[in-house]
C-alpha atoms as a PDB file:
ATOM      1  CA  UNK A   1      28.438  19.663   2.344  1.00  0.00           C
ATOM      2  CA  UNK A   2      25.003  19.157   3.875  1.00  0.00           C
ATOM      3  CA  UNK A   3      22.982  15.933   3.783  1.00  0.00           C
ATOM      4  CA  UNK A   4      19.420  16.455   2.569  1.00  0.00           C
ATOM      5  CA  UNK A   5      16.809  13.694   2.409  1.00  0.00           C
ATOM      6  CA  UNK A   6      13.868  13.969   0.013  1.00  0.00           C
ATOM      7  CA  UNK A   7      10.867  11.713   0.701  1.00  0.00           C
ATOM      8  CA  UNK A   8       7.943  11.413  -1.692  1.00  0.00           C
ATOM      9  CA  UNK A   9       4.375  11.847  -0.591  1.00  0.00           C
ATOM     10  CA  UNK A  10       1.989   8.878  -0.545  1.00  0.00           C
ATOM     11  CA  UNK A  11      -1.694   8.427  -1.266  1.00  0.00           C
ATOM     12  CA  UNK A  12      -2.702   7.304   2.241  1.00  0.00           C
ATOM     13  CA  UNK A  13      -3.325  10.463   4.257  1.00  0.00           C
ATOM     14  CA  UNK A  14      -5.214  11.775   7.251  1.00  0.00           C
ATOM     15  CA  UNK A  15      -8.544  13.402   6.332  1.00  0.00           C
ATOM     16  CA  UNK A  16      -7.793  16.720   8.054  1.00  0.00           C
ATOM     17  CA  UNK A  17      -5.177  19.511   7.958  1.00  0.00           C
ATOM     18  CA  UNK A  18      -1.955  18.345   9.576  1.00  0.00           C
ATOM     19  CA  UNK A  19       1.768  18.933   9.689  1.00  0.00           C
ATOM     20  CA  UNK A  20       3.223  17.280   6.619  1.00  0.00           C
ATOM     21  CA  UNK A  21       5.165  14.762   8.750  1.00  0.00           C
ATOM     22  CA  UNK A  22       1.821  13.625  10.223  1.00  0.00           C
ATOM     23  CA  UNK A  23      -0.446  13.897   7.178  1.00  0.00           C
ATOM     24  CA  UNK A  24       1.033  10.894   5.347  1.00  0.00           C
ATOM     25  CA  UNK A  25       0.125   7.737   7.217  1.00  0.00           C
ATOM     26  CA  UNK A  26       1.202   4.787   5.067  1.00  0.00           C
ATOM     27  CA  UNK A  27       3.679   2.299   6.427  1.00  0.00           C
ATOM     28  CA  UNK A  28       6.097   3.134   3.597  1.00  0.00           C
ATOM     29  CA  UNK A  29       6.082   6.834   4.452  1.00  0.00           C
ATOM     30  CA  UNK A  30       6.495   6.211   8.188  1.00  0.00           C
ATOM     31  CA  UNK A  31       9.380   3.818   7.533  1.00  0.00           C
ATOM     32  CA  UNK A  32      11.039   6.221   5.109  1.00  0.00           C
ATOM     33  CA  UNK A  33      10.768   9.044   7.625  1.00  0.00           C
ATOM     34  CA  UNK A  34      12.322   6.939  10.392  1.00  0.00           C
ATOM     35  CA  UNK A  35      15.080   5.829   8.024  1.00  0.00           C
ATOM     36  CA  UNK A  36      15.683   9.475   7.035  1.00  0.00           C
ATOM     37  CA  UNK A  37      16.129  10.465  10.700  1.00  0.00           C
ATOM     38  CA  UNK A  38      18.591   7.614  11.208  1.00  0.00           C
ATOM     39  CA  UNK A  39      20.732   9.063   8.434  1.00  0.00           C
ATOM     40  CA  UNK A  40      21.187  12.168  10.644  1.00  0.00           C
ATOM     41  CA  UNK A  41      20.632  14.624   7.811  1.00  0.00           C
ATOM     42  CA  UNK A  42      20.860  18.377   8.003  1.00  0.00           C
ATOM     43  CA  UNK A  43      17.380  18.632   6.470  1.00  0.00           C
ATOM     44  CA  UNK A  44      14.467  16.431   5.465  1.00  0.00           C
ATOM     45  CA  UNK A  45      11.876  17.542   2.923  1.00  0.00           C
ATOM     46  CA  UNK A  46       8.768  15.917   1.538  1.00  0.00           C
ATOM     47  CA  UNK A  47       8.161  15.965  -2.195  1.00  0.00           C
ATOM     48  CA  UNK A  48       4.428  16.619  -2.449  1.00  0.00           C
ATOM     49  CA  UNK A  49       2.626  16.175  -5.760  1.00  0.00           C
ATOM     50  CA  UNK A  50       0.352  19.094  -4.866  1.00  0.00           C
ATOM     51  CA  UNK A  51       2.502  21.408  -2.769  1.00  0.00           C
ATOM     52  CA  UNK A  52       6.022  20.798  -4.128  1.00  0.00           C
ATOM     53  CA  UNK A  53       8.785  20.906  -1.528  1.00  0.00           C
ATOM     54  CA  UNK A  54       7.542  20.732   2.061  1.00  0.00           C
ATOM     55  CA  UNK A  55       9.290  21.102   5.379  1.00  0.00           C
ATOM     56  CA  UNK A  56       8.227  18.481   7.923  1.00  0.00           C
ATOM     57  CA  UNK A  57       6.328  20.996  10.036  1.00  0.00           C
ATOM     58  CA  UNK A  58       4.388  22.720   7.262  1.00  0.00           C
ATOM     59  CA  UNK A  59       0.650  22.485   7.844  1.00  0.00           C
ATOM     60  CA  UNK A  60      -1.221  21.359   4.740  1.00  0.00           C
ATOM     61  CA  UNK A  61      -4.673  20.154   3.734  1.00  0.00           C
ATOM     62  CA  UNK A  62      -5.131  16.586   2.492  1.00  0.00           C
ATOM     63  CA  UNK A  63      -5.290  16.111  -1.279  1.00  0.00           C
ATOM     64  CA  UNK A  64      -5.681  13.456  -3.926  1.00  0.00           C
ATOM     65  CA  UNK A  65      -2.896  13.915  -6.482  1.00  0.00           C
ATOM     66  CA  UNK A  66       0.095  11.866  -7.540  1.00  0.00           C
ATOM     67  CA  UNK A  67       2.767  12.427 -10.164  1.00  0.00           C
ATOM     68  CA  UNK A  68       1.928   8.974 -11.508  1.00  0.00           C
ATOM     69  CA  UNK A  69      -1.369  10.202 -12.992  1.00  0.00           C
ATOM     70  CA  UNK A  70      -0.346  13.537 -14.534  1.00  0.00           C
ATOM     71  CA  UNK A  71       1.251  14.331 -17.898  1.00  0.00           C
ATOM     72  CA  UNK A  72       4.989  14.483 -18.503  1.00  0.00           C
ATOM     73  CA  UNK A  73       4.736  18.264 -18.981  1.00  0.00           C
ATOM     74  CA  UNK A  74       2.983  18.594 -15.609  1.00  0.00           C
ATOM     75  CA  UNK A  75       5.708  16.469 -13.957  1.00  0.00           C
ATOM     76  CA  UNK A  76       8.364  18.708 -15.529  1.00  0.00           C
ATOM     77  CA  UNK A  77       6.538  21.862 -14.328  1.00  0.00           C
ATOM     78  CA  UNK A  78       6.280  20.340 -10.830  1.00  0.00           C
ATOM     79  CA  UNK A  79      10.016  19.562 -10.892  1.00  0.00           C
ATOM     80  CA  UNK A  80      10.860  23.141 -11.870  1.00  0.00           C
ATOM     81  CA  UNK A  81       8.801  24.357  -8.905  1.00  0.00           C
ATOM     82  CA  UNK A  82      10.683  21.995  -6.539  1.00  0.00           C
ATOM     83  CA  UNK A  83      14.011  23.087  -7.992  1.00  0.00           C
ATOM     84  CA  UNK A  84      13.108  26.759  -7.397  1.00  0.00           C
ATOM     85  CA  UNK A  85      12.173  25.910  -3.789  1.00  0.00           C
ATOM     86  CA  UNK A  86      15.440  24.007  -3.299  1.00  0.00           C
ATOM     87  CA  UNK A  87      17.433  26.875  -4.839  1.00  0.00           C
ATOM     88  CA  UNK A  88      15.836  29.271  -2.315  1.00  0.00           C
ATOM     89  CA  UNK A  89      17.152  26.989   0.413  1.00  0.00           C
ATOM     90  CA  UNK A  90      20.671  28.114   1.439  1.00  0.00           C
ATOM     91  CA  UNK A  91      22.094  24.598   1.012  1.00  0.00           C
ATOM     92  CA  UNK A  92      23.162  24.580  -2.659  1.00  0.00           C
ATOM     93  CA  UNK A  93      23.467  21.974  -5.384  1.00  0.00           C
ATOM     94  CA  UNK A  94      26.775  20.605  -4.102  1.00  0.00           C
ATOM     95  CA  UNK A  95      25.082  19.002  -1.123  1.00  0.00           C
ATOM     96  CA  UNK A  96      24.388  15.297  -0.776  1.00  0.00           C
ATOM     97  CA  UNK A  97      20.784  14.494  -1.703  1.00  0.00           C
ATOM     98  CA  UNK A  98      19.251  11.188  -0.676  1.00  0.00           C
ATOM     99  CA  UNK A  99      16.042  10.249  -2.459  1.00  0.00           C
ATOM    100  CA  UNK A 100      13.425   8.102  -0.761  1.00  0.00           C
ATOM    101  CA  UNK A 101      11.148   8.667  -3.724  1.00  0.00           C
ATOM    102  CA  UNK A 102      10.008   6.968  -6.890  1.00  0.00           C
ATOM    103  CA  UNK A 103      11.379   7.564 -10.369  1.00  0.00           C
ATOM    104  CA  UNK A 104       8.772  10.171 -11.369  1.00  0.00           C
ATOM    105  CA  UNK A 105       9.518  12.247  -8.290  1.00  0.00           C
ATOM    106  CA  UNK A 106      13.236  12.390  -9.040  1.00  0.00           C
ATOM    107  CA  UNK A 107      13.314  12.235 -12.870  1.00  0.00           C
ATOM    108  CA  UNK A 108      13.945  15.932 -13.579  1.00  0.00           C
ATOM    109  CA  UNK A 109      15.665  16.700 -10.271  1.00  0.00           C
ATOM    110  CA  UNK A 110      18.688  14.390 -10.400  1.00  0.00           C
ATOM    111  CA  UNK A 111      20.428  16.159 -13.292  1.00  0.00           C
ATOM    112  CA  UNK A 112      20.738  19.294 -11.132  1.00  0.00           C
ATOM    113  CA  UNK A 113      22.397  17.577  -8.192  1.00  0.00           C
ATOM    114  CA  UNK A 114      26.123  16.902  -8.007  1.00  0.00           C
ATOM    115  CA  UNK A 115      25.730  14.213  -5.313  1.00  0.00           C
ATOM    116  CA  UNK A 116      22.587  12.074  -5.197  1.00  0.00           C
ATOM    117  CA  UNK A 117      21.868   8.681  -3.716  1.00  0.00           C
ATOM    118  CA  UNK A 118      18.831   6.428  -4.211  1.00  0.00           C
ATOM    119  CA  UNK A 119      19.156   3.732  -1.527  1.00  0.00           C
ATOM    120  CA  UNK A 120      16.197   1.619  -2.723  1.00  0.00           C
ATOM    121  CA  UNK A 121      16.352   2.307  -6.432  1.00  0.00           C
ATOM    122  CA  UNK A 122      14.489  -0.246  -8.525  1.00  0.00           C
ATOM    123  CA  UNK A 123      12.926  -2.023  -5.573  1.00  0.00           C
ATOM    124  CA  UNK A 124       9.135  -2.481  -5.546  1.00  0.00           C
ATOM    125  CA  UNK A 125       7.329  -1.147  -2.476  1.00  0.00           C
ATOM    126  CA  UNK A 126       7.232  -4.540  -0.762  1.00  0.00           C
ATOM    127  CA  UNK A 127      11.006  -4.944  -1.083  1.00  0.00           C
ATOM    128  CA  UNK A 128      11.560  -1.365   0.118  1.00  0.00           C
ATOM    129  CA  UNK A 129       9.510  -2.113   3.225  1.00  0.00           C
ATOM    130  CA  UNK A 130      11.512  -5.293   3.735  1.00  0.00           C
ATOM    131  CA  UNK A 131      14.812  -3.382   3.510  1.00  0.00           C
ATOM    132  CA  UNK A 132      13.562  -0.686   5.848  1.00  0.00           C
ATOM    133  CA  UNK A 133      12.467  -3.343   8.351  1.00  0.00           C
ATOM    134  CA  UNK A 134      15.861  -5.070   8.151  1.00  0.00           C
ATOM    135  CA  UNK A 135      17.510  -1.739   8.934  1.00  0.00           C
ATOM    136  CA  UNK A 136      15.546  -1.482  12.183  1.00  0.00           C
ATOM    137  CA  UNK A 137      12.493   0.603  11.386  1.00  0.00           C
ATOM    138  CA  UNK A 138       8.778  -0.036  11.925  1.00  0.00           C
ATOM    139  CA  UNK A 139       8.157  -3.743  11.521  1.00  0.00           C
ATOM    140  CA  UNK A 140       4.556  -4.055  10.332  1.00  0.00           C
ATOM    141  CA  UNK A 141       1.155  -2.394  10.206  1.00  0.00           C
END
């Protein structure tokens, strides 16, 4: 069984085309990415509201879109796109998925995954940052 970490995108981005790992510049994203690496996963993907499932090295243009401002149908369509991308990945649904993503980003994905963890479920962003700091990641902006 592989370990796969899924990190949601954030609104704070660079203003120019970048690798996805570098495009998102918020403290929360940076901390989540460091935490993800500490988990020693087989793969890390970013859940992008615009692009769907992204590898860390995929070059993308900046955008202004979040799942929090689109309709439930659009979120469901986005989720189906991500599920298709994950299915194309040779890992399979029996793998261990770790979500570093909000409820809207995981809502329609979880039911397809046999093993899923949400380490910071229910915590507001400030508390997530606090937990990430406690676990030895970036301290502050």
